Protein backbone atom coordinates (compact mmCIF):
# COMPACT_ATOMS: atom_id res chain seq x y z
CA MET A 1 -138.45 82.60 53.29
CA LEU A 2 -138.47 84.15 49.55
CA GLU A 3 -136.66 86.47 50.58
CA GLN A 4 -133.25 84.60 51.81
CA TYR A 5 -131.21 84.72 48.86
CA GLY A 6 -127.83 85.78 50.22
CA GLY A 7 -126.55 82.41 49.91
CA VAL A 8 -127.61 81.37 46.54
CA THR A 9 -126.33 84.54 45.01
CA THR A 10 -122.80 84.14 47.19
CA GLY A 11 -122.81 80.84 45.26
CA VAL A 12 -123.45 81.91 42.21
CA GLY A 13 -120.29 84.20 41.82
CA ILE A 14 -117.83 82.30 43.24
CA GLY A 15 -118.88 78.78 41.44
CA MET A 16 -119.45 80.24 38.10
CA LEU A 17 -115.46 82.38 38.90
CA LEU A 18 -114.95 78.73 40.29
CA GLY A 19 -116.38 77.16 37.10
CA ILE A 20 -114.69 79.34 34.63
CA ARG A 21 -110.65 79.59 35.94
CA GLN A 22 -111.18 75.28 35.76
CA ARG A 23 -112.68 74.78 32.66
CA SER A 24 -115.85 73.35 34.15
CA MET A 25 -118.79 73.47 35.90
CA ARG A 26 -118.61 71.30 39.01
CA PRO A 27 -118.18 73.91 41.35
CA PHE A 28 -120.89 76.30 39.79
CA ILE A 29 -123.25 73.82 40.73
CA VAL A 30 -121.70 73.32 43.52
CA GLY A 31 -122.11 76.36 44.67
CA VAL A 32 -125.75 77.20 44.01
CA THR A 33 -126.60 73.89 46.01
CA ALA A 34 -124.18 75.24 48.99
CA GLY A 35 -125.85 78.22 48.72
CA THR A 36 -129.83 77.55 48.63
CA LEU A 37 -129.29 75.43 50.99
CA ALA A 38 -127.72 77.83 53.21
CA ASP A 39 -130.86 80.08 52.18
CA LEU A 40 -132.85 76.81 53.22
CA VAL A 41 -131.94 76.55 56.99
CA MET A 42 -131.30 80.13 56.99
CA GLY A 43 -134.49 80.78 56.45
CA TYR A 44 -135.90 77.60 59.05
CA ASN A 45 -133.09 79.37 62.32
CA GLY A 46 -133.22 83.40 61.27
CA PRO A 47 -136.32 85.17 60.89
CA CYS A 48 -138.75 82.94 59.11
CA LYS A 49 -138.45 81.21 62.89
CA GLU A 50 -141.56 82.97 64.02
CA HIS A 51 -143.70 82.58 61.19
CA PHE A 52 -143.25 78.67 61.57
CA GLU A 53 -144.14 78.07 65.37
CA GLN A 54 -146.80 79.92 64.27
CA LEU A 55 -148.09 78.15 61.82
CA SER A 56 -146.53 75.20 64.62
CA GLU A 57 -149.22 76.66 67.55
CA ALA A 58 -152.13 76.87 64.69
CA GLN A 59 -151.99 73.38 63.14
CA LYS A 60 -152.30 72.26 66.50
CA ALA A 61 -155.30 74.31 67.45
CA TYR A 62 -157.03 73.20 64.25
CA GLU A 63 -156.31 69.33 65.34
CA LEU A 64 -157.19 69.99 69.02
CA ALA A 65 -160.47 71.85 67.35
CA LYS A 66 -161.11 68.29 64.62
CA VAL A 67 -161.11 66.62 68.19
CA ALA A 68 -163.22 68.45 70.24
CA GLU A 69 -165.95 68.57 67.18
CA GLU A 70 -165.64 64.65 66.24
CA ALA A 71 -165.98 64.05 70.01
CA ALA A 72 -169.65 66.14 70.23
CA ARG A 73 -171.68 65.18 66.94
CA SER A 74 -170.35 61.43 68.34
CA LYS A 75 -172.17 62.07 71.53
CA GLN A 76 -175.34 60.10 71.10
CA PRO A 77 -178.07 60.01 73.98
CA SER A 78 -176.87 56.60 75.96
CA VAL A 79 -180.07 54.11 76.01
CA PRO A 80 -180.00 52.23 79.35
CA THR A 81 -179.74 48.15 79.20
CA GLU A 82 -180.70 46.08 82.08
CA PRO A 83 -177.63 43.22 82.27
CA LYS A 84 -178.60 40.38 81.79
CA SER A 85 -178.64 37.65 83.75
CA SER A 86 -176.32 34.98 83.20
CA GLU A 87 -178.15 31.71 83.45
């Protein structure tokens, strides 16, 4: 995801040009923010999507292994008990 920088670069360029022309920082800030968000969206939906899917699968496998380990630890030999008679 860190290799995504095209959006923020474009946002800086356009925001800087508009900011100089309008003599305001607002277009620059909006351009940087929009570019950063575009890079994040591209990271989650683009080339890094496979990594996020693998991470999700690994987390699920870890949770299953953790549950299985807890179940194995909690198994104790059961002692048969006689049912109490109700008198």
